[in-house]
Amino acid sequence: MPATSSSVGSGAAGAAIFADSDSRKYRYFDPKGQRATHYEDMTVDVQPDPERYLIQDWIISFADGKGAYVKQNTAAQSSNWHAFRAPDQEWERTHYQRQSKIETMVQSVINNARKSGAPKTFDKAWVKILQTQLGAWKHAEFGLGTSLMQAQRYGYTQMINNATLTNSSYKLRLAQDITLYLAEIGMDLPGWDDELGKKTWLEDKNWQGTREAVETIMGAADYLEQYFAINIVFEPLVGEAFRSGFLMQIAAANHDFITPAVISAAEADYERNLANTIDLMHLLANDEKHGAANKKLFQGWVKKHGALADKAAVGLQPIWSMPHSKPVAFADVRAKSEERIGQILGELGLKR
């Protein structure tokens, strides 16, 4: 590993040999591959760390003496927090570009559907489901997005923070998409009530397990617990089951070809977020010094949030009986969820 200014006690030119010291690229890190990617150039070591280059310690500290970022914000431990690289390699510009493309697609689908009068062909029972059940789900997405926004502040490196923040942004975008989508098609449907979603989220007994699961994640003090609970546990057991196993598979059978297009981007979002989360947790679970302790910690998170996610999923079961056309059974969706989380946990050496 190249010497750093911290290790030699000096920031003077030539005091230490960095990666690319003899280059005009001015890079102070070792790339994951043979050459640094644009993502690495824009992300690695952007967030300061006294153990690497801040020989004067933190420039800004809190009143209790703690620096701007501390490792104790999570119970997980790492021999090198800077080793993580997000598989999706997303940073500020690429994130905005992808979000913009998704928003353009979603708005185009909604506008074209409304021009053709598509919402008026929806099955009447399905219209009620969109108002209540999809209207309730946007609150789950908003809660998870808010949780990740909080978690992002405490990550020890910019690579972890970027992955967490883009995850938050995708969740909040979906909550916004659902809100705008329902408001727009509501203008074409007589008797539409925008308040039913919120009422369902707060009062319907079917949703209280989901509320408990989401609010427990929001209340967690450990930022990696929040990140883990959302992508490793809640999403495969509840999020995918509702979005893909209910909305995207049942909508068309009830004359709705719009909702799956609006929701579809969220499934691609999750695949990216899941890949990022698995890579980070795998790195920690296989850490040469702290791997065993991290696995024990993760197993505790699986038990805690798995029980809440199971309760949430079972609570939503009656929703599968609400549409007139029911091409998919809850039992089949639940079986796929169990298989999915089994595969995810298997990659980390964990179990249900």
Protein backbone atom coordinates (compact mmCIF):
# COMPACT_ATOMS: atom_id res chain seq x y z
CA MET A 1 0.00 0.00 0.00
CA PRO A 2 1.44 3.42 -0.91
CA ALA A 3 2.59 5.64 1.93
CA THR A 4 0.31 8.48 2.92
CA SER A 5 1.02 11.89 4.35
CA SER A 6 -0.47 10.71 7.65
CA SER A 7 1.87 7.74 7.90
CA VAL A 8 5.00 9.81 7.33
CA GLY A 9 3.83 12.78 9.38
CA SER A 10 4.24 15.33 6.63
CA GLY A 11 2.21 16.80 3.82
CA ALA A 12 5.22 18.32 2.08
CA ALA A 13 5.78 17.62 -1.59
CA GLY A 14 7.82 14.45 -2.03
CA ALA A 15 7.42 13.32 1.59
CA ALA A 16 5.43 10.28 0.59
CA ILE A 17 4.99 8.19 -2.52
CA PHE A 18 1.36 7.97 -3.61
CA ALA A 19 -0.30 6.01 -6.37
CA ASP A 20 0.48 8.01 -9.53
CA SER A 21 3.06 10.21 -7.77
CA ASP A 22 4.96 10.21 -11.03
CA SER A 23 1.89 10.94 -13.12
CA ARG A 24 -0.06 14.07 -14.02
CA LYS A 25 -3.33 12.41 -12.98
CA TYR A 26 -2.91 13.30 -9.27
CA ARG A 27 -4.62 10.18 -7.97
CA TYR A 28 -4.00 9.11 -4.38
CA PHE A 29 -5.68 5.70 -4.38
CA ASP A 30 -5.22 2.25 -5.83
CA PRO A 31 -7.91 1.53 -8.46
CA LYS A 32 -9.88 -1.71 -8.26
CA GLY A 33 -8.94 -2.62 -11.82
CA GLN A 34 -5.89 -1.97 -13.93
CA ARG A 35 -7.02 1.59 -14.50
CA ALA A 36 -9.22 3.87 -12.45
CA THR A 37 -12.75 4.34 -13.72
CA HIS A 38 -14.41 7.73 -13.98
CA TYR A 39 -16.55 6.68 -11.01
CA GLU A 40 -13.43 6.08 -8.90
CA ASP A 41 -11.84 9.36 -9.98
CA MET A 42 -14.98 11.23 -8.88
CA THR A 43 -15.63 9.28 -5.68
CA VAL A 44 -12.62 7.73 -3.94
CA ASP A 45 -11.11 9.89 -1.19
CA VAL A 46 -13.49 12.78 -1.87
CA GLN A 47 -14.60 12.32 1.73
CA PRO A 48 -11.67 13.10 4.09
CA ASP A 49 -10.14 10.61 6.48
CA PRO A 50 -7.44 11.50 9.05
CA GLU A 51 -6.05 7.98 8.72
CA ARG A 52 -5.18 8.66 5.10
CA TYR A 53 -4.41 12.28 4.30
CA LEU A 54 -5.61 14.64 7.06
CA ILE A 55 -2.45 14.80 9.17
CA GLN A 56 -3.95 17.76 11.07
CA ASP A 57 -6.92 15.55 12.08
CA TRP A 58 -10.49 16.59 11.30
CA ILE A 59 -10.82 20.17 10.11
CA ILE A 60 -14.29 20.36 11.65
CA SER A 61 -15.29 18.46 14.80
CA PHE A 62 -18.38 18.33 16.97
CA ALA A 63 -18.51 19.75 20.49
CA ASP A 64 -17.81 16.33 22.04
CA GLY A 65 -14.58 16.06 20.06
CA LYS A 66 -15.83 13.62 17.46
CA GLY A 67 -14.84 14.28 13.88
CA ALA A 68 -17.19 14.86 10.97
CA TYR A 69 -17.32 11.10 10.31
CA VAL A 70 -16.68 8.31 12.81
CA LYS A 71 -16.54 4.56 12.40
CA GLN A 72 -18.73 4.05 15.45
CA ASN A 73 -21.85 5.11 13.52
CA THR A 74 -22.29 1.40 12.75
CA ALA A 75 -21.67 -1.73 14.80
CA ALA A 76 -20.05 -3.33 11.74
CA GLN A 77 -16.27 -3.14 11.52
CA SER A 78 -13.84 -3.08 8.62
CA SER A 79 -10.11 -3.37 8.13
CA ASN A 80 -10.42 -0.94 5.22
CA TRP A 81 -13.60 1.07 4.75
CA HIS A 82 -12.16 2.53 1.55
CA ALA A 83 -12.06 -0.83 -0.26
CA PHE A 84 -15.73 -0.75 -1.32
CA ARG A 85 -16.61 0.15 -4.89
CA ALA A 86 -20.29 0.24 -5.92
CA PRO A 87 -20.96 -2.18 -8.82
CA ASP A 88 -23.28 0.31 -10.52
CA GLN A 89 -20.47 2.92 -10.39
CA GLU A 90 -22.99 5.69 -10.01
CA TRP A 91 -21.94 9.18 -9.07
CA GLU A 92 -23.61 12.58 -9.29
CA ARG A 93 -23.75 13.15 -13.06
CA THR A 94 -24.65 9.59 -14.06
CA HIS A 95 -27.30 9.48 -11.35
CA TYR A 96 -29.01 12.64 -12.56
CA GLN A 97 -28.87 11.38 -16.13
CA ARG A 98 -30.54 8.08 -15.26
CA GLN A 99 -33.20 9.72 -13.10
CA SER A 100 -33.99 12.18 -15.89
CA LYS A 101 -34.44 9.39 -18.42
CA ILE A 102 -36.76 7.50 -16.09
CA GLU A 103 -38.87 10.58 -15.39
CA THR A 104 -39.14 11.32 -19.11
CA MET A 105 -40.30 7.76 -19.76
CA VAL A 106 -42.84 7.75 -16.94
CA GLN A 107 -44.34 11.10 -17.93
CA SER A 108 -44.54 10.05 -21.57
CA VAL A 109 -46.39 6.85 -20.65
CA ILE A 110 -48.88 8.74 -18.49
CA ASN A 111 -49.49 11.49 -21.07
CA ASN A 112 -50.02 9.06 -23.93
CA ALA A 113 -52.30 6.86 -21.84
CA ARG A 114 -54.46 9.79 -20.82
CA LYS A 115 -54.70 11.05 -24.39
CA SER A 116 -56.03 7.68 -25.48
CA GLY A 117 -58.50 7.51 -22.58
CA ALA A 118 -56.87 4.42 -21.10
CA PRO A 119 -57.71 5.12 -17.41
CA LYS A 120 -61.44 5.01 -18.24
CA THR A 121 -61.09 1.38 -19.33
CA PHE A 122 -59.73 0.21 -15.97
CA ASP A 123 -61.81 -2.36 -14.13
CA LYS A 124 -63.81 -0.55 -11.43
CA ALA A 125 -62.47 -2.73 -8.63
CA TRP A 126 -58.95 -2.04 -9.86
CA VAL A 127 -59.55 1.71 -9.74
CA LYS A 128 -60.37 1.34 -6.05
CA ILE A 129 -57.21 -0.73 -5.54
CA LEU A 130 -55.05 1.96 -7.12
CA GLN A 131 -56.54 4.63 -4.86
CA THR A 132 -56.15 2.60 -1.68
CA GLN A 133 -53.36 0.04 -2.07
CA LEU A 134 -50.99 1.78 -4.50
CA GLY A 135 -51.82 5.02 -2.70
CA ALA A 136 -50.69 3.37 0.54
CA TRP A 137 -47.52 1.90 -0.96
CA LYS A 138 -46.11 5.32 -1.83
CA HIS A 139 -45.84 5.98 1.91
CA ALA A 140 -43.71 2.85 2.34
CA GLU A 141 -41.37 4.00 -0.43
CA PHE A 142 -41.18 7.48 1.06
CA GLY A 143 -40.37 6.09 4.51
CA LEU A 144 -37.58 3.89 3.18
CA GLY A 145 -36.19 6.74 1.09
CA THR A 146 -36.19 9.03 4.10
CA SER A 147 -34.44 6.35 6.16
CA LEU A 148 -31.69 6.02 3.57
CA MET A 149 -31.28 9.78 3.40
CA GLN A 150 -30.59 9.74 7.13
CA ALA A 151 -28.25 6.76 6.76
CA GLN A 152 -26.25 8.50 4.04
CA ARG A 153 -24.98 11.14 6.45
CA TYR A 154 -23.11 8.62 8.60
CA GLY A 155 -21.23 6.52 6.05
CA TYR A 156 -17.48 6.63 6.63
CA THR A 157 -16.53 6.90 2.94
CA GLN A 158 -17.91 8.66 -0.09
CA MET A 159 -18.31 5.33 -1.89
CA ILE A 160 -20.69 4.06 0.79
CA ASN A 161 -22.47 7.40 1.01
CA ASN A 162 -22.98 7.59 -2.76
CA ALA A 163 -24.52 4.12 -2.91
CA THR A 164 -26.81 4.90 0.02
CA LEU A 165 -27.86 8.30 -1.28
CA THR A 166 -28.64 7.13 -4.81
CA ASN A 167 -30.73 4.35 -3.22
CA SER A 168 -32.60 7.02 -1.25
CA SER A 169 -33.10 9.11 -4.37
CA TYR A 170 -34.63 6.18 -6.27
CA LYS A 171 -37.06 5.49 -3.45
CA LEU A 172 -38.13 9.11 -3.15
CA ARG A 173 -38.49 9.38 -6.94
CA LEU A 174 -40.83 6.39 -6.99
CA ALA A 175 -42.93 7.84 -4.17
CA GLN A 176 -43.19 11.04 -6.20
CA ASP A 177 -43.98 9.15 -9.41
CA ILE A 178 -46.82 7.27 -7.73
CA THR A 179 -48.21 10.48 -6.23
CA LEU A 180 -48.20 12.33 -9.56
CA TYR A 181 -49.46 9.30 -11.49
CA LEU A 182 -52.47 8.81 -9.24
CA ALA A 183 -53.24 12.53 -9.27
CA GLU A 184 -53.15 12.66 -13.07
CA ILE A 185 -55.28 9.61 -13.83
CA GLY A 186 -57.61 10.75 -11.05
CA MET A 187 -58.57 13.72 -13.22
CA ASP A 188 -60.04 11.27 -15.75
CA LEU A 189 -61.94 9.10 -13.27
CA PRO A 190 -65.19 10.32 -11.63
CA GLY A 191 -65.27 10.19 -7.85
CA TRP A 192 -61.52 9.83 -7.46
CA ASP A 193 -60.26 10.43 -3.89
CA ASP A 194 -56.56 11.24 -3.44
CA GLU A 195 -56.83 10.88 0.33
CA LEU A 196 -57.71 7.16 0.36
CA GLY A 197 -54.08 6.09 0.09
CA LYS A 198 -53.03 7.95 3.21
CA LYS A 199 -56.11 6.74 5.09
CA THR A 200 -55.36 3.15 4.08
CA TRP A 201 -51.72 3.46 5.18
CA LEU A 202 -52.66 4.84 8.57
CA GLU A 203 -55.82 2.87 9.37
CA ASP A 204 -56.17 -0.31 7.28
CA LYS A 205 -55.16 -3.33 9.39
CA ASN A 206 -53.60 -5.01 6.33
CA TRP A 207 -50.94 -2.30 6.19
CA GLN A 208 -50.00 -2.01 9.85
CA GLY A 209 -47.35 -4.73 9.64
CA THR A 210 -45.72 -2.87 6.76
CA ARG A 211 -45.87 0.37 8.69
CA GLU A 212 -44.20 -1.31 11.66
CA ALA A 213 -41.44 -2.76 9.48
CA VAL A 214 -40.76 0.55 7.72
CA GLU A 215 -40.91 2.66 10.88
CA THR A 216 -38.58 0.24 12.70
CA ILE A 217 -36.05 0.70 9.92
CA MET A 218 -36.50 4.46 10.10
CA GLY A 219 -35.87 4.38 13.84
CA ALA A 220 -32.66 2.33 13.66
CA ALA A 221 -29.59 4.21 14.86
CA ASP A 222 -27.12 2.16 12.81
CA TYR A 223 -26.90 3.36 9.20
CA LEU A 224 -25.69 0.02 7.85
CA GLU A 225 -28.52 -1.75 9.66
CA GLN A 226 -30.93 0.49 7.75
CA TYR A 227 -29.20 -0.19 4.44
CA PHE A 228 -29.06 -3.93 5.15
CA ALA A 229 -32.64 -4.20 6.40
CA ILE A 230 -34.07 -2.46 3.35
CA ASN A 231 -32.23 -4.24 0.54
CA ILE A 232 -31.36 -7.61 2.03
CA VAL A 233 -34.58 -8.26 3.96
CA PHE A 234 -37.54 -5.94 3.36
CA GLU A 235 -37.28 -5.59 -0.41
CA PRO A 236 -37.25 -9.29 -1.36
CA LEU A 237 -39.95 -10.20 1.16
CA VAL A 238 -42.28 -7.20 0.81
CA GLY A 239 -41.19 -4.66 -1.80
CA GLU A 240 -40.74 -6.99 -4.76
CA ALA A 241 -43.75 -9.05 -3.71
CA PHE A 242 -46.07 -6.04 -3.86
CA ARG A 243 -44.58 -4.22 -6.85
CA SER A 244 -43.76 -7.14 -9.11
CA GLY A 245 -45.87 -9.93 -7.61
CA PHE A 246 -49.03 -7.86 -7.41
CA LEU A 247 -49.06 -4.60 -9.37
CA MET A 248 -47.04 -5.60 -12.41
CA GLN A 249 -48.60 -9.05 -12.83
CA ILE A 250 -52.23 -8.31 -12.04
CA ALA A 251 -52.69 -4.84 -13.57
CA ALA A 252 -52.93 -5.94 -17.21
CA ALA A 253 -55.57 -8.56 -16.40
CA ASN A 254 -57.70 -5.70 -15.07
CA HIS A 255 -57.29 -3.56 -18.23
CA ASP A 256 -54.46 -1.45 -16.80
CA PHE A 257 -51.35 -1.27 -18.95
CA ILE A 258 -50.11 2.00 -17.44
CA THR A 259 -49.28 1.09 -13.85
CA PRO A 260 -46.71 -1.61 -14.74
CA ALA A 261 -44.79 0.90 -16.88
CA VAL A 262 -44.76 3.46 -14.06
CA ILE A 263 -43.62 0.86 -11.51
CA SER A 264 -41.18 -1.03 -13.75
CA ALA A 265 -38.25 1.36 -13.19
CA ALA A 266 -38.36 0.54 -9.48
CA GLU A 267 -37.52 -3.10 -10.17
CA ALA A 268 -34.42 -2.05 -12.13
CA ASP A 269 -33.57 0.37 -9.32
CA TYR A 270 -33.68 -2.46 -6.81
CA GLU A 271 -31.37 -4.70 -8.83
CA ARG A 272 -28.75 -1.94 -8.77
CA ASN A 273 -29.27 -1.21 -5.08
CA LEU A 274 -29.16 -4.91 -4.21
CA ALA A 275 -25.89 -5.43 -6.09
CA ASN A 276 -24.34 -2.48 -4.23
CA THR A 277 -25.56 -3.73 -0.86
CA ILE A 278 -24.42 -7.32 -1.40
CA ASP A 279 -20.94 -6.20 -2.44
CA LEU A 280 -20.54 -4.02 0.65
CA MET A 281 -21.93 -6.61 3.06
CA HIS A 282 -19.89 -9.38 1.43
CA LEU A 283 -16.75 -7.30 1.91
CA LEU A 284 -17.57 -6.86 5.59
CA ALA A 285 -18.67 -10.46 6.13
CA ASN A 286 -15.36 -11.68 4.70
CA ASP A 287 -13.13 -9.11 6.37
CA GLU A 288 -9.92 -10.85 7.45
CA LYS A 289 -10.10 -9.39 10.94
CA HIS A 290 -13.76 -8.62 11.63
CA GLY A 291 -15.62 -11.03 9.33
CA ALA A 292 -16.90 -13.40 12.02
CA ALA A 293 -18.21 -10.58 14.21
CA ASN A 294 -19.86 -8.90 11.22
CA LYS A 295 -21.61 -12.12 10.18
CA LYS A 296 -22.98 -12.53 13.69
CA LEU A 297 -24.21 -8.94 13.60
CA PHE A 298 -25.82 -9.41 10.18
CA GLN A 299 -27.53 -12.61 11.31
CA GLY A 300 -29.10 -10.64 14.14
CA TRP A 301 -30.39 -8.07 11.66
CA VAL A 302 -31.87 -10.85 9.52
CA LYS A 303 -33.72 -12.23 12.53
CA LYS A 304 -34.98 -8.84 13.70
CA HIS A 305 -36.09 -7.39 10.38
CA GLY A 306 -37.02 -10.74 8.85
CA ALA A 307 -39.71 -11.26 11.49
CA LEU A 308 -41.15 -7.81 10.79
CA ALA A 309 -41.01 -8.30 7.01
CA ASP A 310 -42.76 -11.67 7.30
CA LYS A 311 -45.50 -10.07 9.36
CA ALA A 312 -45.82 -7.28 6.79
CA ALA A 313 -46.02 -9.67 3.83
CA VAL A 314 -48.64 -11.91 5.46
CA GLY A 315 -50.65 -8.82 6.42
CA LEU A 316 -50.86 -7.79 2.77
CA GLN A 317 -52.18 -11.18 1.63
CA PRO A 318 -55.87 -10.06 1.42
CA ILE A 319 -54.92 -7.54 -1.29
CA TRP A 320 -54.39 -10.39 -3.78
CA SER A 321 -58.12 -11.25 -3.42
CA MET A 322 -59.38 -7.74 -4.19
CA PRO A 323 -59.15 -7.57 -8.04
CA HIS A 324 -61.87 -9.13 -10.20
CA SER A 325 -59.21 -10.88 -12.27
CA LYS A 326 -56.64 -12.75 -10.16
CA PRO A 327 -54.00 -14.31 -12.43
CA VAL A 328 -51.46 -14.66 -9.61
CA ALA A 329 -51.93 -16.26 -6.19
CA PHE A 330 -50.33 -14.83 -3.06
CA ALA A 331 -48.91 -18.26 -2.14
CA ASP A 332 -46.93 -18.37 -5.40
CA VAL A 333 -45.59 -14.86 -4.88
CA ARG A 334 -44.65 -15.68 -1.30
CA ALA A 335 -42.77 -18.79 -2.42
CA LYS A 336 -40.74 -16.72 -4.89
CA SER A 337 -39.96 -14.21 -2.13
CA GLU A 338 -38.61 -16.98 0.09
CA GLU A 339 -36.48 -18.32 -2.74
CA ARG A 340 -35.21 -14.83 -3.52
CA ILE A 341 -34.12 -13.97 0.01
CA GLY A 342 -32.57 -17.40 0.37
CA GLN A 343 -30.36 -16.71 -2.65
CA ILE A 344 -29.42 -13.24 -1.36
CA LEU A 345 -28.51 -14.46 2.11
CA GLY A 346 -26.63 -17.40 0.61
CA GLU A 347 -24.27 -14.99 -1.16
CA LEU A 348 -23.38 -13.54 2.24
CA GLY A 349 -23.08 -16.85 4.05
CA LEU A 350 -26.18 -16.06 6.12
CA LYS A 351 -29.41 -17.96 6.74
CA ARG A 352 -33.07 -17.24 7.46
